[in-house]
PDB file of N, CA and C in Angstrom:
ATOM      1  N   MET A   1       0.786  -1.212  -0.057  1.00  0.00           N
ATOM      2  CA  MET A   1       0.149  -0.109   0.113  1.00  0.00           C
ATOM      3  C   MET A   1       0.951   1.111  -0.119  1.00  0.00           C
ATOM      4  N   PRO A   2       0.613   1.979  -0.800  1.00  0.00           N
ATOM      5  CA  PRO A   2       1.487   3.439  -0.926  1.00  0.00           C
ATOM      6  C   PRO A   2       1.108   4.256   0.454  1.00  0.00           C
ATOM      7  N   THR A   3       2.520   4.844   0.796  1.00  0.00           N
ATOM      8  CA  THR A   3       2.305   5.517   2.173  1.00  0.00           C
ATOM      9  C   THR A   3       3.030   6.741   1.983  1.00  0.00           C
ATOM     10  N   LEU A   4       2.703   7.935   2.628  1.00  0.00           N
ATOM     11  CA  LEU A   4       3.264   9.035   2.644  1.00  0.00           C
ATOM     12  C   LEU A   4       3.542   9.465   4.081  1.00  0.00           C
ATOM     13  N   SER A   5       4.683   9.764   4.693  1.00  0.00           N
ATOM     14  CA  SER A   5       4.918  10.050   5.867  1.00  0.00           C
ATOM     15  C   SER A   5       5.760  11.490   6.067  1.00  0.00           C
ATOM     16  N   PHE A   6       5.131  12.195   6.874  1.00  0.00           N
ATOM     17  CA  PHE A   6       5.764  13.559   7.424  1.00  0.00           C
ATOM     18  C   PHE A   6       6.313  13.604   8.574  1.00  0.00           C
ATOM     19  N   GLY A   7       7.663  13.793   8.941  1.00  0.00           N
ATOM     20  CA  GLY A   7       8.124  14.276  10.184  1.00  0.00           C
ATOM     21  C   GLY A   7       8.384  15.822  10.164  1.00  0.00           C
ATOM     22  N   SER A   8       8.147  16.438  11.331  1.00  0.00           N
ATOM     23  CA  SER A   8       7.996  17.969  11.179  1.00  0.00           C
ATOM     24  C   SER A   8       9.552  18.303  12.449  1.00  0.00           C
ATOM     25  N   THR A   9      10.082  19.287  11.965  1.00  0.00           N
ATOM     26  CA  THR A   9      11.358  19.579  13.017  1.00  0.00           C
ATOM     27  C   THR A   9      10.707  20.417  14.373  1.00  0.00           C
ATOM     28  N   PHE A  10       9.688  20.852  14.295  1.00  0.00           N
ATOM     29  CA  PHE A  10       9.021  21.568  15.306  1.00  0.00           C
ATOM     30  C   PHE A  10       7.804  20.840  16.148  1.00  0.00           C
ATOM     31  N   ASP A  11       7.492  19.822  15.822  1.00  0.00           N
ATOM     32  CA  ASP A  11       6.414  19.006  16.244  1.00  0.00           C
ATOM     33  C   ASP A  11       6.932  18.668  17.943  1.00  0.00           C
ATOM     34  N   THR A  12       6.119  19.021  18.430  1.00  0.00           N
ATOM     35  CA  THR A  12       6.320  19.092  20.077  1.00  0.00           C
ATOM     36  C   THR A  12       5.225  17.756  20.695  1.00  0.00           C
ATOM     37  N   GLN A  13       4.377  17.226  19.571  1.00  0.00           N
ATOM     38  CA  GLN A  13       3.798  15.920  20.163  1.00  0.00           C
ATOM     39  C   GLN A  13       4.210  14.662  19.670  1.00  0.00           C
ATOM     40  N   THR A  14       4.827  14.695  18.566  1.00  0.00           N
ATOM     41  CA  THR A  14       5.436  13.400  17.904  1.00  0.00           C
ATOM     42  C   THR A  14       6.677  13.358  17.327  1.00  0.00           C
ATOM     43  N   PRO A  15       7.821  12.719  17.898  1.00  0.00           N
ATOM     44  CA  PRO A  15       9.179  13.023  17.552  1.00  0.00           C
ATOM     45  C   PRO A  15       9.401  12.963  16.153  1.00  0.00           C
ATOM     46  N   ALA A  16       9.636  13.854  15.633  1.00  0.00           N
ATOM     47  CA  ALA A  16      10.328  13.923  13.945  1.00  0.00           C
ATOM     48  C   ALA A  16      10.785  12.580  13.413  1.00  0.00           C
ATOM     49  N   SER A  17      11.494  11.876  14.139  1.00  0.00           N
ATOM     50  CA  SER A  17      12.202  10.845  13.387  1.00  0.00           C
ATOM     51  C   SER A  17      11.046   9.560  13.296  1.00  0.00           C
ATOM     52  N   TRP A  18       9.889   9.741  14.118  1.00  0.00           N
ATOM     53  CA  TRP A  18       8.900   8.593  14.037  1.00  0.00           C
ATOM     54  C   TRP A  18       8.523   8.390  12.488  1.00  0.00           C
ATOM     55  N   ALA A  19       8.585   9.557  11.604  1.00  0.00           N
ATOM     56  CA  ALA A  19       8.041   9.579  10.225  1.00  0.00           C
ATOM     57  C   ALA A  19       8.800   8.265   9.514  1.00  0.00           C
ATOM     58  N   LYS A  20      10.007   8.363   9.763  1.00  0.00           N
ATOM     59  CA  LYS A  20      11.012   7.422   8.974  1.00  0.00           C
ATOM     60  C   LYS A  20      10.631   5.984   9.522  1.00  0.00           C
ATOM     61  N   ILE A  21      10.653   5.976  11.018  1.00  0.00           N
ATOM     62  CA  ILE A  21      10.471   4.763  11.612  1.00  0.00           C
ATOM     63  C   ILE A  21       9.028   4.221  11.259  1.00  0.00           C
ATOM     64  N   ALA A  22       7.981   4.679  11.061  1.00  0.00           N
ATOM     65  CA  ALA A  22       6.795   4.531  10.776  1.00  0.00           C
ATOM     66  C   ALA A  22       6.704   3.539   9.437  1.00  0.00           C
ATOM     67  N   ILE A  23       7.776   3.926   8.438  1.00  0.00           N
ATOM     68  CA  ILE A  23       7.560   3.073   7.153  1.00  0.00           C
ATOM     69  C   ILE A  23       8.780   2.136   6.995  1.00  0.00           C
ATOM     70  N   GLU A  24       9.500   1.941   8.063  1.00  0.00           N
ATOM     71  CA  GLU A  24      10.226   1.007   7.658  1.00  0.00           C
ATOM     72  C   GLU A  24      10.405  -0.426   7.445  1.00  0.00           C
ATOM     73  N   LYS A  25       9.318  -0.919   7.667  1.00  0.00           N
ATOM     74  CA  LYS A  25       8.914  -2.166   7.445  1.00  0.00           C
ATOM     75  C   LYS A  25       7.903  -2.217   5.860  1.00  0.00           C
ATOM     76  N   LEU A  26       7.684  -0.927   5.266  1.00  0.00           N
ATOM     77  CA  LEU A  26       6.795  -0.938   4.129  1.00  0.00           C
ATOM     78  C   LEU A  26       7.561  -0.758   3.067  1.00  0.00           C
ATOM     79  N   THR A  27       7.246  -1.458   1.752  1.00  0.00           N
ATOM     80  CA  THR A  27       7.876  -1.596   0.657  1.00  0.00           C
ATOM     81  C   THR A  27       7.535  -0.204  -0.113  1.00  0.00           C
ATOM     82  N   ASN A  28       6.407   0.336  -0.160  1.00  0.00           N
ATOM     83  CA  ASN A  28       5.988   1.290  -1.096  1.00  0.00           C
ATOM     84  C   ASN A  28       5.793   2.719  -0.170  1.00  0.00           C
ATOM     85  N   ALA A  29       6.961   3.115   0.403  1.00  0.00           N
ATOM     86  CA  ALA A  29       6.371   4.236   1.394  1.00  0.00           C
ATOM     87  C   ALA A  29       7.477   5.452   0.976  1.00  0.00           C
ATOM     88  N   GLN A  30       7.241   6.611   1.511  1.00  0.00           N
ATOM     89  CA  GLN A  30       8.219   7.631   1.256  1.00  0.00           C
ATOM     90  C   GLN A  30       8.036   8.365   2.866  1.00  0.00           C
ATOM     91  N   ALA A  31       9.061   9.347   3.246  1.00  0.00           N
ATOM     92  CA  ALA A  31       9.060   9.668   4.270  1.00  0.00           C
ATOM     93  C   ALA A  31      10.226  11.123   4.052  1.00  0.00           C
ATOM     94  N   PHE A  32       9.433  11.981   4.771  1.00  0.00           N
ATOM     95  CA  PHE A  32      10.136  13.503   4.510  1.00  0.00           C
ATOM     96  C   PHE A  32      10.244  14.174   5.932  1.00  0.00           C
ATOM     97  N   MET A  33      11.140  14.867   6.201  1.00  0.00           N
ATOM     98  CA  MET A  33      11.434  15.732   7.284  1.00  0.00           C
ATOM     99  C   MET A  33      10.956  17.157   6.893  1.00  0.00           C
ATOM    100  N   ILE A  34      10.168  17.711   7.460  1.00  0.00           N
ATOM    101  CA  ILE A  34       9.386  19.070   7.020  1.00  0.00           C
ATOM    102  C   ILE A  34      10.206  20.131   8.065  1.00  0.00           C
ATOM    103  N   PRO A  35      10.965  21.058   7.650  1.00  0.00           N
ATOM    104  CA  PRO A  35      11.296  21.831   8.611  1.00  0.00           C
ATOM    105  C   PRO A  35      10.328  23.201   8.738  1.00  0.00           C
ATOM    106  N   GLU A  36      10.479  23.888   9.798  1.00  0.00           N
ATOM    107  CA  GLU A  36       9.619  25.234  10.126  1.00  0.00           C
ATOM    108  C   GLU A  36       8.253  24.848  10.167  1.00  0.00           C
ATOM    109  N   ALA A  37       7.906  23.585  10.715  1.00  0.00           N
ATOM    110  CA  ALA A  37       6.506  23.381  10.723  1.00  0.00           C
ATOM    111  C   ALA A  37       6.384  22.275  12.100  1.00  0.00           C
ATOM    112  N   GLY A  38       5.118  22.406  12.801  1.00  0.00           N
ATOM    113  CA  GLY A  38       5.046  21.752  14.079  1.00  0.00           C
ATOM    114  C   GLY A  38       4.094  20.718  13.808  1.00  0.00           C
ATOM    115  N   HIS A  39       3.240  19.834  14.462  1.00  0.00           N
ATOM    116  CA  HIS A  39       2.200  19.006  14.176  1.00  0.00           C
ATOM    117  C   HIS A  39       1.412  19.280  13.502  1.00  0.00           C
ATOM    118  N   GLY A  40       1.375  18.680  12.192  1.00  0.00           N
ATOM    119  CA  GLY A  40       0.172  19.357  11.309  1.00  0.00           C
ATOM    120  C   GLY A  40       0.945  20.118  10.242  1.00  0.00           C
ATOM    121  N   ALA A  41       1.792  19.316  10.086  1.00  0.00           N
ATOM    122  CA  ALA A  41       3.027  20.309   8.782  1.00  0.00           C
ATOM    123  C   ALA A  41       2.008  20.627   7.433  1.00  0.00           C
ATOM    124  N   VAL A  42       0.931  19.731   7.208  1.00  0.00           N
ATOM    125  CA  VAL A  42      -0.071  19.708   6.150  1.00  0.00           C
ATOM    126  C   VAL A  42      -0.561  21.384   6.181  1.00  0.00           C
ATOM    127  N   VAL A  43      -0.752  21.516   7.402  1.00  0.00           N
ATOM    128  CA  VAL A  43      -1.773  23.063   7.603  1.00  0.00           C
ATOM    129  C   VAL A  43      -0.773  24.354   7.233  1.00  0.00           C
ATOM    130  N   TYR A  44       0.549  24.190   7.847  1.00  0.00           N
ATOM    131  CA  TYR A  44       1.541  25.279   8.048  1.00  0.00           C
ATOM    132  C   TYR A  44       2.347  25.268   6.928  1.00  0.00           C
ATOM    133  N   GLN A  45       2.409  24.185   6.387  1.00  0.00           N
ATOM    134  CA  GLN A  45       3.409  24.666   4.925  1.00  0.00           C
ATOM    135  C   GLN A  45       2.694  24.202   3.642  1.00  0.00           C
ATOM    136  N   PRO A  46       2.373  25.172   2.901  1.00  0.00           N
ATOM    137  CA  PRO A  46       1.523  24.885   1.676  1.00  0.00           C
ATOM    138  C   PRO A  46       2.298  23.756   0.742  1.00  0.00           C
ATOM    139  N   CYS A  47       3.519  23.852   0.623  1.00  0.00           N
ATOM    140  CA  CYS A  47       4.244  22.681  -0.474  1.00  0.00           C
ATOM    141  C   CYS A  47       3.716  21.092   0.331  1.00  0.00           C
ATOM    142  N   VAL A  48       3.661  21.105   1.573  1.00  0.00           N
ATOM    143  CA  VAL A  48       3.281  19.829   2.186  1.00  0.00           C
ATOM    144  C   VAL A  48       1.886  19.403   1.860  1.00  0.00           C
ATOM    145  N   ALA A  49       0.921  20.329   1.920  1.00  0.00           N
ATOM    146  CA  ALA A  49      -0.421  20.211   1.595  1.00  0.00           C
ATOM    147  C   ALA A  49      -0.412  19.650  -0.057  1.00  0.00           C
ATOM    148  N   GLU A  50       0.262  20.456  -0.939  1.00  0.00           N
ATOM    149  CA  GLU A  50       0.234  19.928  -2.295  1.00  0.00           C
ATOM    150  C   GLU A  50       0.815  18.846  -2.363  1.00  0.00           C
ATOM    151  N   MET A  51       1.631  18.269  -1.443  1.00  0.00           N
ATOM    152  CA  MET A  51       2.333  16.977  -1.608  1.00  0.00           C
ATOM    153  C   MET A  51       1.266  16.016  -1.426  1.00  0.00           C
ATOM    154  N   GLY A  52       0.487  16.434  -0.466  1.00  0.00           N
ATOM    155  CA  GLY A  52      -0.650  15.351  -0.013  1.00  0.00           C
ATOM    156  C   GLY A  52      -1.586  15.402  -1.073  1.00  0.00           C
ATOM    157  N   VAL A  53      -2.057  16.312  -1.451  1.00  0.00           N
ATOM    158  CA  VAL A  53      -3.276  16.479  -2.576  1.00  0.00           C
ATOM    159  C   VAL A  53      -2.563  15.445  -4.159  1.00  0.00           C
ATOM    160  N   ALA A  54      -1.364  15.824  -4.128  1.00  0.00           N
ATOM    161  CA  ALA A  54      -0.691  15.233  -5.305  1.00  0.00           C
ATOM    162  C   ALA A  54      -0.703  13.367  -4.889  1.00  0.00           C
ATOM    163  N   PHE A  55      -0.271  13.196  -3.685  1.00  0.00           N
ATOM    164  CA  PHE A  55       0.048  11.884  -3.612  1.00  0.00           C
ATOM    165  C   PHE A  55      -1.755  11.077  -3.609  1.00  0.00           C
ATOM    166  N   ILE A  56      -2.777  11.861  -3.146  1.00  0.00           N
ATOM    167  CA  ILE A  56      -3.975  11.285  -3.157  1.00  0.00           C
ATOM    168  C   ILE A  56      -4.319  11.092  -4.824  1.00  0.00           C
ATOM    169  N   ASP A  57      -4.037  12.189  -5.468  1.00  0.00           N
ATOM    170  CA  ASP A  57      -4.515  11.941  -6.951  1.00  0.00           C
ATOM    171  C   ASP A  57      -3.803  10.738  -7.577  1.00  0.00           C
ATOM    172  N   ASN A  58      -2.275  10.373  -7.017  1.00  0.00           N
ATOM    173  CA  ASN A  58      -1.605   9.447  -7.692  1.00  0.00           C
ATOM    174  C   ASN A  58      -0.675   8.966  -6.675  1.00  0.00           C
ATOM    175  N   PRO A  59      -1.302   8.076  -6.003  1.00  0.00           N
ATOM    176  CA  PRO A  59      -0.458   7.431  -4.782  1.00  0.00           C
ATOM    177  C   PRO A  59       0.999   6.592  -5.539  1.00  0.00           C
ATOM    178  N   LYS A  60       0.881   6.553  -6.430  1.00  0.00           N
ATOM    179  CA  LYS A  60       2.173   5.797  -6.981  1.00  0.00           C
ATOM    180  C   LYS A  60       3.366   6.910  -7.403  1.00  0.00           C
ATOM    181  N   ARG A  61       2.946   7.844  -7.235  1.00  0.00           N
ATOM    182  CA  ARG A  61       3.876   9.199  -7.413  1.00  0.00           C
ATOM    183  C   ARG A  61       5.203   9.117  -6.501  1.00  0.00           C
ATOM    184  N   ARG A  62       6.088   9.248  -7.035  1.00  0.00           N
ATOM    185  CA  ARG A  62       7.655   9.420  -6.413  1.00  0.00           C
ATOM    186  C   ARG A  62       7.699  10.956  -6.177  1.00  0.00           C
ATOM    187  N   PHE A  63       8.077  11.493  -4.855  1.00  0.00           N
ATOM    188  CA  PHE A  63       8.316  12.553  -4.577  1.00  0.00           C
ATOM    189  C   PHE A  63       9.733  12.983  -4.438  1.00  0.00           C
ATOM    190  N   ASP A  64      10.387  13.921  -4.875  1.00  0.00           N
ATOM    191  CA  ASP A  64      11.749  14.405  -4.284  1.00  0.00           C
ATOM    192  C   ASP A  64      11.812  15.413  -3.060  1.00  0.00           C
ATOM    193  N   ASN A  65      12.832  15.891  -2.688  1.00  0.00           N
ATOM    194  CA  ASN A  65      12.820  16.611  -1.367  1.00  0.00           C
ATOM    195  C   ASN A  65      12.515  17.931  -1.867  1.00  0.00           C
ATOM    196  N   SER A  66      12.139  18.652  -2.700  1.00  0.00           N
ATOM    197  CA  SER A  66      12.274  19.694  -3.157  1.00  0.00           C
ATOM    198  C   SER A  66      11.478  20.652  -2.340  1.00  0.00           C
ATOM    199  N   CYS A  67      10.216  20.005  -1.597  1.00  0.00           N
ATOM    200  CA  CYS A  67       9.542  21.007  -0.839  1.00  0.00           C
ATOM    201  C   CYS A  67      10.172  21.233   0.375  1.00  0.00           C
ATOM    202  N   ALA A  68      10.906  20.419   1.063  1.00  0.00           N
ATOM    203  CA  ALA A  68      11.481  20.540   2.435  1.00  0.00           C
ATOM    204  C   ALA A  68      12.651  21.586   2.164  1.00  0.00           C
ATOM    205  N   ARG A  69      13.320  21.247   0.841  1.00  0.00           N
ATOM    206  CA  ARG A  69      14.286  22.456   0.449  1.00  0.00           C
ATOM    207  C   ARG A  69      13.894  23.805   0.458  1.00  0.00           C
ATOM    208  N   SER A  70      12.757  23.838  -0.121  1.00  0.00           N
ATOM    209  CA  SER A  70      12.316  25.178  -0.339  1.00  0.00           C
ATOM    210  C   SER A  70      12.044  26.111   0.797  1.00  0.00           C
ATOM    211  N   ILE A  71      11.496  25.180   2.076  1.00  0.00           N
ATOM    212  CA  ILE A  71      11.130  25.967   3.248  1.00  0.00           C
ATOM    213  C   ILE A  71      12.356  26.920   3.900  1.00  0.00           C
ATOM    214  N   LYS A  72      12.558  28.078   3.967  1.00  0.00           N
ATOM    215  CA  LYS A  72      13.270  29.059   4.425  1.00  0.00           C
ATOM    216  C   LYS A  72      13.047  29.482   5.587  1.00  0.00           C
ATOM    217  N   VAL A  73      14.069  29.524   6.888  1.00  0.00           N
ATOM    218  CA  VAL A  73      13.541  30.249   7.801  1.00  0.00           C
ATOM    219  C   VAL A  73      13.667  31.644   7.809  1.00  0.00           C
ATOM    220  N   ASP A  74      12.369  32.174   8.070  1.00  0.00           N
ATOM    221  CA  ASP A  74      12.461  33.960   8.098  1.00  0.00           C
ATOM    222  C   ASP A  74      12.725  34.524   9.251  1.00  0.00           C
ATOM    223  N   TRP A  75      13.827  34.670   9.967  1.00  0.00           N
ATOM    224  CA  TRP A  75      14.136  34.981  11.142  1.00  0.00           C
ATOM    225  C   TRP A  75      13.977  36.562  11.126  1.00  0.00           C
ATOM    226  N   HIS A  76      13.405  37.074  12.030  1.00  0.00           N
ATOM    227  CA  HIS A  76      13.033  38.375  12.137  1.00  0.00           C
ATOM    228  C   HIS A  76      13.899  38.944  13.397  1.00  0.00           C
ATOM    229  N   ILE A  77      14.754  39.846  13.376  1.00  0.00           N
ATOM    230  CA  ILE A  77      15.732  40.482  14.301  1.00  0.00           C
ATOM    231  C   ILE A  77      14.949  41.993  14.325  1.00  0.00           C
ATOM    232  N   ALA A  78      14.536  42.339  15.618  1.00  0.00           N
ATOM    233  CA  ALA A  78      14.076  43.451  15.969  1.00  0.00           C
ATOM    234  C   ALA A  78      14.996  44.551  16.041  1.00  0.00           C
ATOM    235  N   PRO A  79      14.769  45.912  15.399  1.00  0.00           N
ATOM    236  CA  PRO A  79      15.514  46.880  14.874  1.00  0.00           C
ATOM    237  C   PRO A  79      16.099  47.183  16.071  1.00  0.00           C
ATOM    238  N   TRP A  80      15.685  47.032  17.568  1.00  0.00           N
ATOM    239  CA  TRP A  80      16.226  47.668  18.588  1.00  0.00           C
ATOM    240  C   TRP A  80      17.355  46.820  19.062  1.00  0.00           C
ATOM    241  N   VAL A  81      17.367  45.756  18.569  1.00  0.00           N
ATOM    242  CA  VAL A  81      18.403  44.558  18.919  1.00  0.00           C
ATOM    243  C   VAL A  81      19.888  44.937  18.567  1.00  0.00           C
ATOM    244  N   ALA A  82      20.738  45.143  19.454  1.00  0.00           N
ATOM    245  CA  ALA A  82      21.927  45.875  18.892  1.00  0.00           C
ATOM    246  C   ALA A  82      22.884  44.838  18.686  1.00  0.00           C
ATOM    247  N   ALA A  83      23.724  45.057  17.468  1.00  0.00           N
ATOM    248  CA  ALA A  83      24.761  44.206  16.982  1.00  0.00           C
ATOM    249  C   ALA A  83      25.973  43.965  18.044  1.00  0.00           C
ATOM    250  N   PRO A  84      26.273  42.907  18.449  1.00  0.00           N
ATOM    251  CA  PRO A  84      27.240  42.534  19.653  1.00  0.00           C
ATOM    252  C   PRO A  84      28.655  43.396  19.382  1.00  0.00           C
ATOM    253  N   LYS A  85      29.248  43.662  20.338  1.00  0.00           N
ATOM    254  CA  LYS A  85      30.232  44.784  20.283  1.00  0.00           C
ATOM    255  C   LYS A  85      31.575  43.748  20.483  1.00  0.00           C
ATOM    256  N   LYS A  86      32.577  44.008  19.483  1.00  0.00           N
ATOM    257  CA  LYS A  86      33.658  43.238  19.625  1.00  0.00           C
ATOM    258  C   LYS A  86      34.944  43.708  20.040  1.00  0.00           C
TER     259      LYS A  86
END
């Protein structure tokens, strides 16, 4: 049975490593680690939702890791934070 499994690096409810562990004994499964998402990455990262829809449309489809690679950390440093003195 085709299976798509996601682990999220900010998931406080389920260890991200379980995504790969969940598919260890499955022969037709894919697992992806999603950065910058918590429990429910499909809600917080649009490319994950797109992967989910594409998987439902075609469960035999193989994905690359472009979704996870496309997610960038958007750090915001408040203007009042001073640069460290050297």
